[in-house]
C-alpha cells in the first residue's frame, strides 16, 4: 500500500481511520461516563478503502494497494 499527496509528493504523513477497542466506564443505563482503559487492542489497521487526508495540506490522498 502506498499513499501520495496529489498536491505535493514530498508530503509523507496522512490521516486515516483505524479501529481500536477501549474499555469504557458506563452508568446503569449504558451511558458513557469516561474511558476506563485507553490501552486498547488494534482491531483493524489502515485500509486503502478508507479516506486518507494529507496531514500537511488537507488534500485527499491517492492510495494504491
Protein backbone atom coordinates (compact mmCIF):
# COMPACT_ATOMS: atom_id res chain seq x y z
CA UNK A 1 0.00 0.00 0.00
CA UNK A 2 1.25 3.50 -0.80
CA UNK A 3 -0.38 6.88 -0.23
CA UNK A 4 0.63 10.00 -2.14
CA UNK A 5 -0.42 13.62 -1.86
CA UNK A 6 -1.78 14.92 -5.20
CA UNK A 7 -0.65 18.47 -4.39
CA UNK A 8 2.90 17.79 -3.20
CA UNK A 9 4.76 14.47 -3.49
CA UNK A 10 7.11 15.46 -0.64
CA UNK A 11 4.20 15.27 1.84
CA UNK A 12 4.55 11.88 3.54
CA UNK A 13 2.11 11.97 6.52
CA UNK A 14 -1.60 11.16 6.28
CA UNK A 15 -4.68 10.97 8.50
CA UNK A 16 -6.94 7.90 8.18
CA UNK A 17 -9.18 5.73 10.34
CA UNK A 18 -8.18 2.65 12.35
CA UNK A 19 -10.36 0.65 14.73
CA UNK A 20 -9.16 0.20 18.32
CA UNK A 21 -11.02 -1.25 21.29
CA UNK A 22 -11.08 0.58 24.61
CA UNK A 23 -12.77 -0.02 27.93
CA UNK A 24 -15.45 2.45 28.95
CA UNK A 25 -16.98 3.21 32.30
CA UNK A 26 -20.75 3.47 31.78
CA UNK A 27 -23.70 4.22 34.01
CA UNK A 28 -26.57 1.84 34.77
CA UNK A 29 -28.32 2.82 31.52
CA UNK A 30 -25.20 2.18 29.42
CA UNK A 31 -24.43 5.90 29.01
CA UNK A 32 -20.78 6.86 28.57
CA UNK A 33 -19.07 8.24 31.67
CA UNK A 34 -15.33 8.10 30.86
CA UNK A 35 -12.63 5.98 29.25
CA UNK A 36 -11.51 3.39 31.79
CA UNK A 37 -8.60 2.00 29.76
CA UNK A 38 -7.26 3.61 26.59
CA UNK A 39 -4.61 0.92 26.04
CA UNK A 40 -6.94 -0.84 23.64
CA UNK A 41 -6.34 -3.56 21.12
CA UNK A 42 -5.97 -2.81 17.41
CA UNK A 43 -8.93 -4.41 15.64
CA UNK A 44 -8.24 -3.16 12.11
CA UNK A 45 -5.35 -1.03 10.85
CA UNK A 46 -5.20 1.44 7.94
CA UNK A 47 -7.23 0.33 4.92
CA UNK A 48 -6.77 1.61 1.36
CA UNK A 49 -10.57 1.82 1.03
CA UNK A 50 -10.83 4.38 3.83
CA UNK A 51 -10.50 8.13 3.36
CA UNK A 52 -6.87 9.33 3.62
CA UNK A 53 -6.08 13.03 4.07
CA UNK A 54 -2.68 14.68 3.73
CA UNK A 55 -1.66 15.92 7.19
CA UNK A 56 0.28 18.85 5.71
CA UNK A 57 -2.20 20.37 3.24
CA UNK A 58 -5.53 18.57 3.74
CA UNK A 59 -5.74 17.16 0.22
CA UNK A 60 -7.45 13.81 -0.31
CA UNK A 61 -4.63 11.33 -0.83
CA UNK A 62 -4.37 8.77 -3.59
CA UNK A 63 -3.88 5.29 -2.13
CA UNK A 64 -2.61 2.33 -4.14
CA UNK A 65 -2.72 -1.24 -2.85
